[in-house]
Amino acid sequence: MLATKRTTVYLPADLHRALKLKAAASDRSLSDLVNDAVARALAEDAEDLEAIRLRAKEKPASYASFVGDLKRRGKL
């Protein structure tokens, strides 16, 4: 079993109710749903940070040149 830490999270009443309904409908705990949502959000952050790292050496493009390129390629 993974080590866990207890924390308090304050949710708006309507969000809490929706979460409780989803937990009941899926036969899961509120903690499981929140843990999964947080893990997914952190995984998305990790993907974004990796994409930024991979593109760090790309030459920056101005907005005007980017739009001009789209027009030349027939995208606009």
Protein backbone atom coordinates (compact mmCIF):
# COMPACT_ATOMS: atom_id res chain seq x y z
CA MET A 1 0.00 0.00 0.00
CA LEU A 2 1.26 3.47 -0.87
CA ALA A 3 1.92 5.93 1.91
CA THR A 4 -0.80 8.52 2.01
CA LYS A 5 -1.19 11.94 3.58
CA ARG A 6 -4.42 13.47 4.76
CA THR A 7 -5.40 16.93 3.55
CA THR A 8 -8.42 19.17 3.56
CA VAL A 9 -9.86 20.48 0.33
CA TYR A 10 -12.67 23.03 0.25
CA LEU A 11 -15.03 22.66 -2.70
CA PRO A 12 -18.00 24.75 -3.74
CA ALA A 13 -21.21 23.04 -2.59
CA ASP A 14 -22.41 22.22 -6.11
CA LEU A 15 -19.05 20.72 -7.09
CA HIS A 16 -18.99 18.66 -3.90
CA ARG A 17 -22.51 17.36 -4.60
CA ALA A 18 -21.57 16.44 -8.18
CA LEU A 19 -18.46 14.64 -6.92
CA LYS A 20 -20.48 12.72 -4.32
CA LEU A 21 -23.00 11.68 -6.99
CA LYS A 22 -20.22 10.56 -9.33
CA ALA A 23 -18.56 8.62 -6.52
CA ALA A 24 -21.79 6.83 -5.70
CA ALA A 25 -22.57 6.11 -9.35
CA SER A 26 -19.09 4.71 -9.99
CA ASP A 27 -18.80 2.89 -6.64
CA ARG A 28 -15.61 4.81 -5.85
CA SER A 29 -14.64 7.07 -2.99
CA LEU A 30 -14.37 10.84 -3.18
CA SER A 31 -10.68 10.43 -2.37
CA ASP A 32 -10.16 8.11 -5.33
CA LEU A 33 -11.83 10.55 -7.71
CA VAL A 34 -9.85 13.52 -6.39
CA ASN A 35 -6.57 11.57 -6.43
CA ASP A 36 -7.16 10.51 -10.04
CA ALA A 37 -8.05 14.06 -11.10
CA VAL A 38 -4.94 15.50 -9.44
CA ALA A 39 -2.72 12.79 -10.94
CA ARG A 40 -4.15 13.48 -14.43
CA ALA A 41 -3.59 17.23 -14.01
CA LEU A 42 0.02 16.67 -12.92
CA ALA A 43 0.60 14.26 -15.83
CA GLU A 44 -0.69 16.93 -18.25
CA ASP A 45 1.71 19.42 -16.65
CA ALA A 46 4.57 16.96 -17.13
CA GLU A 47 3.64 16.54 -20.81
CA ASP A 48 3.50 20.32 -21.28
CA LEU A 49 6.88 20.79 -19.58
CA GLU A 50 8.42 18.09 -21.79
CA ALA A 51 7.01 19.75 -24.92
CA ILE A 52 8.48 23.08 -23.79
CA ARG A 53 11.84 21.43 -23.15
CA LEU A 54 11.86 19.82 -26.61
CA ARG A 55 10.98 23.11 -28.30
CA ALA A 56 13.32 25.30 -26.25
CA LYS A 57 15.83 25.65 -29.10
CA GLU A 58 13.26 26.52 -31.77
CA LYS A 59 13.62 29.89 -33.39
CA PRO A 60 10.82 32.18 -32.22
CA ALA A 61 8.36 33.42 -34.84
CA SER A 62 6.55 36.71 -34.76
CA TYR A 63 2.79 36.75 -34.98
CA ALA A 64 2.95 38.55 -38.33
CA SER A 65 5.31 35.98 -39.88
CA PHE A 66 3.28 33.10 -38.47
CA VAL A 67 0.03 34.45 -39.95
CA GLY A 68 1.82 35.20 -43.23
CA ASP A 69 3.06 31.61 -43.35
CA LEU A 70 -0.46 30.30 -42.77
CA LYS A 71 -1.72 32.48 -45.63
CA ARG A 72 1.06 31.31 -47.99
CA ARG A 73 0.21 27.68 -47.21
CA GLY A 74 -3.48 28.29 -47.97
CA LYS A 75 -4.61 27.78 -44.37
CA LEU A 76 -6.21 31.24 -44.22
